[in-house]
């Protein structure tokens, strides 16, 4: 029974992470609602696993370090909340590995955007009619202008990797 609840909670977490990543790519915003739902899902996962107060301490430490990064202008506020919620998805002993996987995914994202910045020219004058074309045009504009990275996608990739491998 516990394994089934854990599997469902992990599937829900991955769906929430994917939604946060998609929203961040499309709008450069991370929904507070998604972060709250992810945190609740993480608390459920840890309750089923029987992990105690250490989970909260680990998530608070992650939040405080990420908040310092936000204060320094290195990441957005939505990313800070999403990262803290993601820290609740794993037992405290796995939080350092989670952070490393997220940082690795963020590095790949950064390299991808640097490479795309060289390859992508300015957006065409013609406006695409369909939504996917419009989203690609907006992203092309963001890349060509050096806008911020959609770091929720790195958080989602790193957290999903740890959840599926853990």
N, C-alpha and C. Protein backbone atom coordinates (compact mmCIF):
# COMPACT_ATOMS: atom_id res chain seq x y z
N UNK A 1 0.82 -1.20 0.00
CA UNK A 1 0.00 0.00 0.00
C UNK A 1 0.86 1.26 0.00
N UNK A 2 1.91 1.26 0.86
CA UNK A 2 2.79 2.43 0.92
C UNK A 2 3.52 2.65 -0.40
N UNK A 3 3.92 1.54 -1.04
CA UNK A 3 4.63 1.66 -2.32
C UNK A 3 3.73 2.26 -3.39
N UNK A 4 2.46 1.88 -3.38
CA UNK A 4 1.53 2.42 -4.37
C UNK A 4 1.31 3.92 -4.14
N UNK A 5 1.16 4.32 -2.88
CA UNK A 5 0.99 5.74 -2.57
C UNK A 5 2.23 6.52 -2.99
N UNK A 6 3.41 5.96 -2.72
CA UNK A 6 4.65 6.63 -3.11
C UNK A 6 4.75 6.77 -4.62
N UNK A 7 4.40 5.70 -5.34
CA UNK A 7 4.46 5.76 -6.81
C UNK A 7 3.51 6.82 -7.37
N UNK A 8 2.32 6.89 -6.81
CA UNK A 8 1.36 7.90 -7.26
C UNK A 8 1.87 9.30 -6.94
N UNK A 9 2.42 9.48 -5.73
CA UNK A 9 2.94 10.80 -5.34
C UNK A 9 4.11 11.21 -6.22
N UNK A 10 4.96 10.26 -6.60
CA UNK A 10 6.08 10.57 -7.50
C UNK A 10 5.56 10.96 -8.87
N UNK A 11 4.56 10.23 -9.37
CA UNK A 11 3.97 10.58 -10.68
C UNK A 11 3.35 11.97 -10.64
N UNK A 12 2.64 12.29 -9.57
CA UNK A 12 2.05 13.62 -9.41
C UNK A 12 3.15 14.68 -9.36
N UNK A 13 4.22 14.39 -8.62
CA UNK A 13 5.34 15.35 -8.52
C UNK A 13 5.94 15.63 -9.89
N UNK A 14 6.14 14.59 -10.67
CA UNK A 14 6.74 14.78 -12.00
C UNK A 14 5.80 15.60 -12.89
N UNK A 15 4.50 15.34 -12.81
CA UNK A 15 3.55 16.15 -13.59
C UNK A 15 3.57 17.61 -13.14
N UNK A 16 3.62 17.85 -11.84
CA UNK A 16 3.69 19.23 -11.34
C UNK A 16 4.99 19.91 -11.77
N UNK A 17 6.09 19.18 -11.72
CA UNK A 17 7.38 19.73 -12.16
C UNK A 17 7.35 20.07 -13.65
N UNK A 18 6.74 19.18 -14.45
CA UNK A 18 6.63 19.45 -15.89
C UNK A 18 5.77 20.69 -16.14
N UNK A 19 4.69 20.84 -15.38
CA UNK A 19 3.82 22.01 -15.54
C UNK A 19 4.57 23.28 -15.16
N UNK A 20 5.36 23.22 -14.10
CA UNK A 20 6.15 24.39 -13.68
C UNK A 20 7.17 24.75 -14.75
N UNK A 21 7.83 23.74 -15.32
CA UNK A 21 8.82 23.98 -16.37
C UNK A 21 8.16 24.59 -17.60
N UNK A 22 7.03 24.03 -18.02
CA UNK A 22 6.34 24.55 -19.20
C UNK A 22 5.88 25.99 -18.97
N UNK A 23 5.35 26.26 -17.80
CA UNK A 23 4.92 27.62 -17.49
C UNK A 23 6.08 28.60 -17.47
N UNK A 24 7.21 28.17 -16.94
CA UNK A 24 8.38 29.04 -16.88
C UNK A 24 8.94 29.32 -18.28
N UNK A 25 8.94 28.30 -19.12
CA UNK A 25 9.41 28.50 -20.49
C UNK A 25 8.48 29.47 -21.22
N UNK A 26 7.18 29.30 -21.03
CA UNK A 26 6.21 30.13 -21.76
C UNK A 26 6.13 31.56 -21.23
N UNK A 27 6.20 31.73 -19.91
CA UNK A 27 5.92 33.06 -19.34
C UNK A 27 7.03 33.61 -18.45
N UNK A 28 8.05 32.80 -18.17
CA UNK A 28 9.12 33.16 -17.22
C UNK A 28 8.54 33.42 -15.82
N UNK A 29 7.50 32.68 -15.49
CA UNK A 29 6.89 32.74 -14.16
C UNK A 29 6.65 31.31 -13.67
N UNK A 30 6.78 31.13 -12.36
CA UNK A 30 6.47 29.84 -11.74
C UNK A 30 5.29 30.08 -10.80
N UNK A 31 4.23 29.35 -11.02
CA UNK A 31 3.01 29.51 -10.24
C UNK A 31 3.23 29.13 -8.77
N UNK A 32 2.80 30.01 -7.87
CA UNK A 32 2.84 29.69 -6.44
C UNK A 32 2.00 28.46 -6.15
N UNK A 33 0.89 28.34 -6.84
CA UNK A 33 0.00 27.19 -6.64
C UNK A 33 0.73 25.88 -6.93
N UNK A 34 1.51 25.85 -8.02
CA UNK A 34 2.25 24.64 -8.34
C UNK A 34 3.29 24.33 -7.26
N UNK A 35 3.98 25.35 -6.78
CA UNK A 35 4.98 25.13 -5.72
C UNK A 35 4.33 24.61 -4.45
N UNK A 36 3.17 25.15 -4.10
CA UNK A 36 2.46 24.70 -2.90
C UNK A 36 2.00 23.25 -3.07
N UNK A 37 1.43 22.93 -4.23
CA UNK A 37 1.00 21.55 -4.48
C UNK A 37 2.18 20.59 -4.46
N UNK A 38 3.31 21.02 -5.00
CA UNK A 38 4.51 20.18 -4.99
C UNK A 38 5.00 19.97 -3.56
N UNK A 39 4.95 21.01 -2.74
CA UNK A 39 5.37 20.89 -1.34
C UNK A 39 4.45 19.93 -0.59
N UNK A 40 3.15 20.03 -0.82
CA UNK A 40 2.21 19.11 -0.17
C UNK A 40 2.47 17.68 -0.61
N UNK A 41 2.72 17.50 -1.90
CA UNK A 41 3.04 16.17 -2.43
C UNK A 41 4.32 15.64 -1.78
N UNK A 42 5.32 16.50 -1.63
CA UNK A 42 6.56 16.08 -0.99
C UNK A 42 6.35 15.70 0.46
N UNK A 43 5.52 16.46 1.16
CA UNK A 43 5.22 16.12 2.56
C UNK A 43 4.52 14.77 2.65
N UNK A 44 3.62 14.50 1.70
CA UNK A 44 2.96 13.19 1.66
C UNK A 44 3.99 12.08 1.43
N UNK A 45 4.87 12.30 0.48
CA UNK A 45 5.92 11.30 0.21
C UNK A 45 6.76 11.03 1.45
N UNK A 46 7.16 12.07 2.15
CA UNK A 46 8.01 11.90 3.32
C UNK A 46 7.23 11.29 4.49
N UNK A 47 5.94 11.59 4.60
CA UNK A 47 5.11 10.98 5.65
C UNK A 47 4.98 9.48 5.42
N UNK A 48 4.78 9.09 4.17
CA UNK A 48 4.68 7.67 3.83
C UNK A 48 6.00 6.96 4.12
N UNK A 49 7.11 7.65 3.87
CA UNK A 49 8.43 7.06 4.11
C UNK A 49 8.82 7.10 5.59
N UNK A 50 8.06 7.84 6.39
CA UNK A 50 8.36 7.91 7.82
C UNK A 50 9.50 8.84 8.18
N UNK A 51 9.78 9.79 7.31
CA UNK A 51 10.86 10.75 7.58
C UNK A 51 10.28 11.88 8.42
N UNK A 52 11.04 12.33 9.40
CA UNK A 52 10.53 13.32 10.34
C UNK A 52 10.94 14.74 10.05
N UNK A 53 11.31 15.43 11.11
CA UNK A 53 11.59 16.86 11.09
C UNK A 53 12.78 17.21 10.19
N UNK A 54 13.68 16.28 9.99
CA UNK A 54 14.87 16.55 9.18
C UNK A 54 14.49 17.01 7.77
N UNK A 55 13.36 16.54 7.26
CA UNK A 55 12.89 16.96 5.94
C UNK A 55 12.65 18.47 5.90
N UNK A 56 12.00 18.97 6.94
CA UNK A 56 11.74 20.42 7.01
C UNK A 56 13.04 21.21 7.12
N UNK A 57 13.95 20.71 7.93
CA UNK A 57 15.23 21.41 8.11
C UNK A 57 15.98 21.49 6.78
N UNK A 58 16.02 20.37 6.05
CA UNK A 58 16.71 20.36 4.75
C UNK A 58 16.05 21.33 3.78
N UNK A 59 14.72 21.34 3.74
CA UNK A 59 14.01 22.25 2.83
C UNK A 59 14.23 23.71 3.22
N UNK A 60 14.28 23.98 4.51
CA UNK A 60 14.52 25.36 4.97
C UNK A 60 15.92 25.81 4.59
N UNK A 61 16.91 24.92 4.74
CA UNK A 61 18.28 25.26 4.35
C UNK A 61 18.34 25.54 2.85
N UNK A 62 17.71 24.68 2.05
CA UNK A 62 17.68 24.90 0.60
C UNK A 62 17.01 26.24 0.29
N UNK A 63 15.90 26.52 0.95
CA UNK A 63 15.20 27.78 0.72
C UNK A 63 16.09 28.97 1.07
N UNK A 64 16.79 28.90 2.20
CA UNK A 64 17.62 30.03 2.63
C UNK A 64 18.78 30.27 1.66
N UNK A 65 19.42 29.21 1.21
CA UNK A 65 20.52 29.37 0.25
C UNK A 65 19.98 29.92 -1.07
N UNK A 66 18.85 29.37 -1.53
CA UNK A 66 18.25 29.85 -2.78
C UNK A 66 17.78 31.30 -2.64
N UNK A 67 17.27 31.67 -1.47
CA UNK A 67 16.85 33.06 -1.25
C UNK A 67 18.05 34.01 -1.33
N UNK A 68 19.20 33.56 -0.86
CA UNK A 68 20.42 34.37 -1.00
C UNK A 68 20.78 34.54 -2.48
N UNK A 69 20.59 33.48 -3.26
CA UNK A 69 20.83 33.57 -4.71
C UNK A 69 19.84 34.53 -5.35
N UNK A 70 18.59 34.49 -4.90
CA UNK A 70 17.59 35.44 -5.41
C UNK A 70 17.99 36.87 -5.07
N UNK A 71 18.41 37.06 -3.83
CA UNK A 71 18.81 38.40 -3.38
C UNK A 71 19.97 38.94 -4.21
N UNK A 72 20.86 38.04 -4.64
CA UNK A 72 22.01 38.44 -5.46
C UNK A 72 21.63 38.57 -6.93
N UNK A 73 20.37 38.29 -7.27
CA UNK A 73 19.92 38.41 -8.65
C UNK A 73 20.28 37.21 -9.52
N UNK A 74 20.59 36.08 -8.88
CA UNK A 74 21.01 34.91 -9.64
C UNK A 74 19.86 33.99 -10.03
N UNK A 75 18.74 34.12 -9.35
CA UNK A 75 17.57 33.31 -9.70
C UNK A 75 16.30 34.04 -9.31
N UNK A 76 15.20 33.61 -9.89
CA UNK A 76 13.93 34.26 -9.63
C UNK A 76 13.27 33.74 -8.36
N UNK A 77 12.33 34.50 -7.85
CA UNK A 77 11.62 34.12 -6.63
C UNK A 77 10.81 32.85 -6.79
N UNK A 78 10.20 32.67 -7.95
CA UNK A 78 9.45 31.44 -8.21
C UNK A 78 10.34 30.22 -8.21
N UNK A 79 11.55 30.38 -8.73
CA UNK A 79 12.52 29.28 -8.73
C UNK A 79 12.92 28.91 -7.31
N UNK A 80 13.06 29.92 -6.45
CA UNK A 80 13.42 29.68 -5.04
C UNK A 80 12.36 28.81 -4.38
N UNK A 81 11.09 29.18 -4.56
CA UNK A 81 10.00 28.43 -3.94
C UNK A 81 9.89 27.03 -4.53
N UNK A 82 10.07 26.91 -5.83
CA UNK A 82 10.00 25.60 -6.47
C UNK A 82 11.14 24.71 -5.99
N UNK A 83 12.32 25.27 -5.84
CA UNK A 83 13.47 24.50 -5.38
C UNK A 83 13.26 24.00 -3.95
N UNK A 84 12.73 24.85 -3.08
CA UNK A 84 12.44 24.42 -1.70
C UNK A 84 11.38 23.33 -1.68
N UNK A 85 10.36 23.47 -2.52
CA UNK A 85 9.32 22.44 -2.60
C UNK A 85 9.90 21.13 -3.12
N UNK A 86 10.80 21.22 -4.10
CA UNK A 86 11.44 20.02 -4.64
C UNK A 86 12.29 19.32 -3.57
N UNK A 87 12.87 20.09 -2.66
CA UNK A 87 13.68 19.50 -1.59
C UNK A 87 12.82 18.64 -0.66
N UNK A 88 11.53 18.92 -0.61
CA UNK A 88 10.63 18.11 0.21
C UNK A 88 10.29 16.77 -0.43
N UNK A 89 10.62 16.61 -1.70
CA UNK A 89 10.29 15.37 -2.41
C UNK A 89 11.20 14.21 -2.07
N UNK A 90 12.37 14.50 -1.54
CA UNK A 90 13.36 13.46 -1.27
C UNK A 90 13.72 13.45 0.21
N UNK A 91 14.20 12.30 0.71
CA UNK A 91 14.67 12.27 2.09
C UNK A 91 15.86 13.22 2.27
N UNK A 92 16.06 13.72 3.47
CA UNK A 92 17.14 14.69 3.70
C UNK A 92 18.51 14.23 3.21
N UNK A 93 18.81 12.95 3.32
CA UNK A 93 20.12 12.45 2.88
C UNK A 93 20.31 12.59 1.37
N UNK A 94 19.21 12.73 0.63
CA UNK A 94 19.30 12.84 -0.83
C UNK A 94 19.27 14.28 -1.33
N UNK A 95 19.07 15.24 -0.44
CA UNK A 95 18.99 16.64 -0.85
C UNK A 95 20.27 17.13 -1.52
N UNK A 96 21.47 16.81 -0.99
CA UNK A 96 22.68 17.26 -1.70
C UNK A 96 22.75 16.73 -3.13
N UNK A 97 22.40 15.46 -3.33
CA UNK A 97 22.38 14.90 -4.67
C UNK A 97 21.36 15.57 -5.56
N UNK A 98 20.21 15.91 -4.98
CA UNK A 98 19.17 16.64 -5.72
C UNK A 98 19.71 17.98 -6.20
N UNK A 99 20.36 18.71 -5.31
CA UNK A 99 20.89 20.03 -5.66
C UNK A 99 21.96 19.90 -6.74
N UNK A 100 22.80 18.87 -6.65
CA UNK A 100 23.84 18.66 -7.67
C UNK A 100 23.20 18.35 -9.02
N UNK A 101 22.18 17.49 -9.04
CA UNK A 101 21.50 17.17 -10.30
C UNK A 101 20.82 18.39 -10.90
N UNK A 102 20.22 19.22 -10.06
CA UNK A 102 19.59 20.44 -10.55
C UNK A 102 20.64 21.41 -11.09
N UNK A 103 21.76 21.53 -10.39
CA UNK A 103 22.83 22.41 -10.86
C UNK A 103 23.39 21.90 -12.19
N UNK A 104 23.53 20.59 -12.32
CA UNK A 104 24.02 20.01 -13.57
C UNK A 104 23.04 20.31 -14.71
N UNK A 105 21.75 20.11 -14.45
CA UNK A 105 20.73 20.42 -15.47
C UNK A 105 20.75 21.90 -15.80
N UNK A 106 20.96 22.75 -14.79
CA UNK A 106 21.06 24.19 -15.03
C UNK A 106 22.25 24.55 -15.88
N UNK A 107 23.37 23.85 -15.66
CA UNK A 107 24.56 24.08 -16.50
C UNK A 107 24.31 23.70 -17.95
N UNK A 108 23.64 22.58 -18.15
CA UNK A 108 23.29 22.17 -19.52
C UNK A 108 22.35 23.20 -20.15
N UNK A 109 21.37 23.65 -19.37
CA UNK A 109 20.44 24.68 -19.87
C UNK A 109 21.19 25.95 -20.25
N UNK A 110 22.12 26.38 -19.41
CA UNK A 110 22.91 27.58 -19.71
C UNK A 110 23.74 27.42 -20.97
N UNK A 111 24.39 26.27 -21.11
CA UNK A 111 25.18 26.02 -22.32
C UNK A 111 24.29 25.97 -23.56
N UNK A 112 23.13 25.36 -23.42
CA UNK A 112 22.18 25.30 -24.54
C UNK A 112 21.78 26.71 -24.97
N UNK A 113 21.46 27.56 -24.02
CA UNK A 113 21.04 28.92 -24.35
C UNK A 113 22.20 29.74 -24.91
N UNK A 114 23.41 29.52 -24.41
CA UNK A 114 24.56 30.22 -24.99
C UNK A 114 24.76 29.80 -26.44
N UNK A 115 24.66 28.49 -26.70
CA UNK A 115 24.78 28.00 -28.07
C UNK A 115 23.67 28.51 -28.96
N UNK A 116 22.46 28.51 -28.44
CA UNK A 116 21.33 29.00 -29.23
C UNK A 116 21.44 30.49 -29.50
N UNK A 117 22.03 31.22 -28.58
CA UNK A 117 22.17 32.67 -28.78
C UNK A 117 23.05 32.95 -30.00
N UNK A 118 24.05 32.10 -30.21
CA UNK A 118 24.92 32.25 -31.37
C UNK A 118 24.17 31.84 -32.64
N UNK A 119 23.38 30.78 -32.55
CA UNK A 119 22.71 30.24 -33.73
C UNK A 119 21.44 30.99 -34.12
N UNK A 120 20.73 31.50 -33.13
CA UNK A 120 19.43 32.12 -33.38
C UNK A 120 19.63 33.58 -33.76
N UNK A 121 19.06 33.94 -34.86
CA UNK A 121 19.09 35.35 -35.27
C UNK A 121 17.92 36.09 -34.66
N UNK A 122 17.64 37.24 -35.19
CA UNK A 122 16.48 37.99 -34.72
C UNK A 122 15.22 37.35 -35.28
N UNK A 123 14.13 37.43 -34.55
CA UNK A 123 12.88 36.83 -35.01
C UNK A 123 12.42 37.44 -36.33
N UNK A 124 11.74 36.62 -37.12
CA UNK A 124 11.24 37.11 -38.40
C UNK A 124 10.13 38.13 -38.16
N UNK A 125 9.90 38.95 -39.15
CA UNK A 125 8.87 39.98 -39.06
C UNK A 125 7.48 39.35 -39.13
N UNK A 126 7.38 38.28 -39.90
CA UNK A 126 6.09 37.60 -40.07
C UNK A 126 5.69 36.93 -38.76
N UNK A 127 4.47 37.19 -38.31
CA UNK A 127 3.98 36.63 -37.06
C UNK A 127 3.30 35.29 -37.32
N UNK A 128 3.76 34.22 -36.65
CA UNK A 128 3.13 32.91 -36.86
C UNK A 128 1.67 32.91 -36.40
N UNK A 129 0.85 32.11 -37.06
CA UNK A 129 -0.58 32.06 -36.76
C UNK A 129 -0.89 31.11 -35.60
N UNK A 130 -0.14 30.03 -35.48
CA UNK A 130 -0.44 29.02 -34.47
C UNK A 130 0.36 29.26 -33.19
N UNK A 131 -0.18 28.77 -32.08
CA UNK A 131 0.43 28.99 -30.77
C UNK A 131 1.86 28.46 -30.67
N UNK A 132 2.16 27.23 -31.12
CA UNK A 132 3.55 26.77 -31.01
C UNK A 132 4.54 27.68 -31.76
N UNK A 133 4.13 28.15 -32.92
CA UNK A 133 4.99 29.06 -33.68
C UNK A 133 5.20 30.38 -32.96
N UNK A 134 4.13 30.87 -32.33
CA UNK A 134 4.26 32.13 -31.57
C UNK A 134 5.16 31.95 -30.36
N UNK A 135 5.02 30.81 -29.66
CA UNK A 135 5.88 30.56 -28.50
C UNK A 135 7.34 30.45 -28.91
N UNK A 136 7.59 29.77 -30.03
CA UNK A 136 8.97 29.67 -30.53
C UNK A 136 9.53 31.04 -30.90
N UNK A 137 8.70 31.87 -31.50
CA UNK A 137 9.14 33.22 -31.88
C UNK A 137 9.47 34.05 -30.64
N UNK A 138 8.64 33.93 -29.61
CA UNK A 138 8.90 34.65 -28.35
C UNK A 138 10.21 34.16 -27.73
N UNK A 139 10.40 32.84 -27.72
CA UNK A 139 11.64 32.30 -27.15
C UNK A 139 12.86 32.72 -27.97
N UNK A 140 12.70 32.76 -29.28
CA UNK A 140 13.79 33.23 -30.15
C UNK A 140 14.14 34.67 -29.79
N UNK A 141 13.16 35.49 -29.54
CA UNK A 141 13.38 36.88 -29.14
C UNK A 141 14.13 36.93 -27.81
N UNK A 142 13.67 36.12 -26.85
CA UNK A 142 14.31 36.10 -25.52
C UNK A 142 15.77 35.67 -25.63
N UNK A 143 16.02 34.63 -26.42
CA UNK A 143 17.39 34.13 -26.57
C UNK A 143 18.26 35.18 -27.23
N UNK A 144 17.76 35.80 -28.29
CA UNK A 144 18.58 36.79 -29.01
C UNK A 144 18.87 38.01 -28.16
N UNK A 145 18.03 38.30 -27.18
CA UNK A 145 18.23 39.47 -26.31
C UNK A 145 18.92 39.11 -24.99
N UNK A 146 19.21 37.83 -24.76
CA UNK A 146 19.89 37.43 -23.53
C UNK A 146 19.02 37.48 -22.29
N UNK A 147 17.73 37.21 -22.43
CA UNK A 147 16.83 37.21 -21.29
C UNK A 147 17.20 36.09 -20.31
N UNK A 148 16.55 36.08 -19.16
CA UNK A 148 16.83 35.08 -18.13
C UNK A 148 16.46 33.68 -18.61
N UNK A 149 17.10 32.70 -17.98
CA UNK A 149 16.84 31.30 -18.32
C UNK A 149 15.59 30.82 -17.59
N UNK A 150 14.85 29.91 -18.20
CA UNK A 150 13.71 29.31 -17.50
C UNK A 150 14.22 28.21 -16.56
N UNK A 151 14.73 28.62 -15.39
CA UNK A 151 15.43 27.69 -14.52
C UNK A 151 14.52 26.63 -13.92
N UNK A 152 13.20 26.85 -13.93
CA UNK A 152 12.29 25.82 -13.44
C UNK A 152 12.43 24.55 -14.27
N UNK A 153 12.82 24.68 -15.52
CA UNK A 153 13.02 23.48 -16.34
C UNK A 153 14.22 22.69 -15.84
N UNK A 154 15.26 23.36 -15.37
CA UNK A 154 16.41 22.66 -14.79
C UNK A 154 16.03 22.02 -13.45
N UNK A 155 15.25 22.74 -12.65
CA UNK A 155 14.79 22.18 -11.37
C UNK A 155 13.95 20.94 -11.64
N UNK A 156 13.06 21.03 -12.62
CA UNK A 156 12.20 19.89 -12.96
C UNK A 156 13.01 18.71 -13.46
N UNK A 157 13.97 18.96 -14.33
CA UNK A 157 14.78 17.87 -14.88
C UNK A 157 15.61 17.19 -13.79
N UNK A 158 16.27 17.99 -12.97
CA UNK A 158 17.10 17.42 -11.90
C UNK A 158 16.27 16.66 -10.88
N UNK A 159 15.14 17.23 -10.48
CA UNK A 159 14.28 16.57 -9.49
C UNK A 159 13.67 15.29 -10.06
N UNK A 160 13.22 15.34 -11.30
CA UNK A 160 12.64 14.14 -11.92
C UNK A 160 13.68 13.03 -12.02
N UNK A 161 14.91 13.40 -12.37
CA UNK A 161 15.98 12.40 -12.45
C UNK A 161 16.18 11.72 -11.10
N UNK A 162 16.27 12.51 -10.04
CA UNK A 162 16.49 11.96 -8.70
C UNK A 162 15.29 11.10 -8.27
N UNK A 163 14.08 11.57 -8.54
CA UNK A 163 12.90 10.80 -8.16
C UNK A 163 12.83 9.46 -8.89
N UNK A 164 13.16 9.47 -10.16
CA UNK A 164 13.07 8.23 -10.95
C UNK A 164 14.24 7.28 -10.68
N UNK A 165 15.40 7.83 -10.35
CA UNK A 165 16.57 7.00 -10.07
C UNK A 165 16.65 6.57 -8.61
N UNK A 166 16.03 7.37 -7.71
CA UNK A 166 16.13 7.14 -6.27
C UNK A 166 15.35 5.97 -5.84
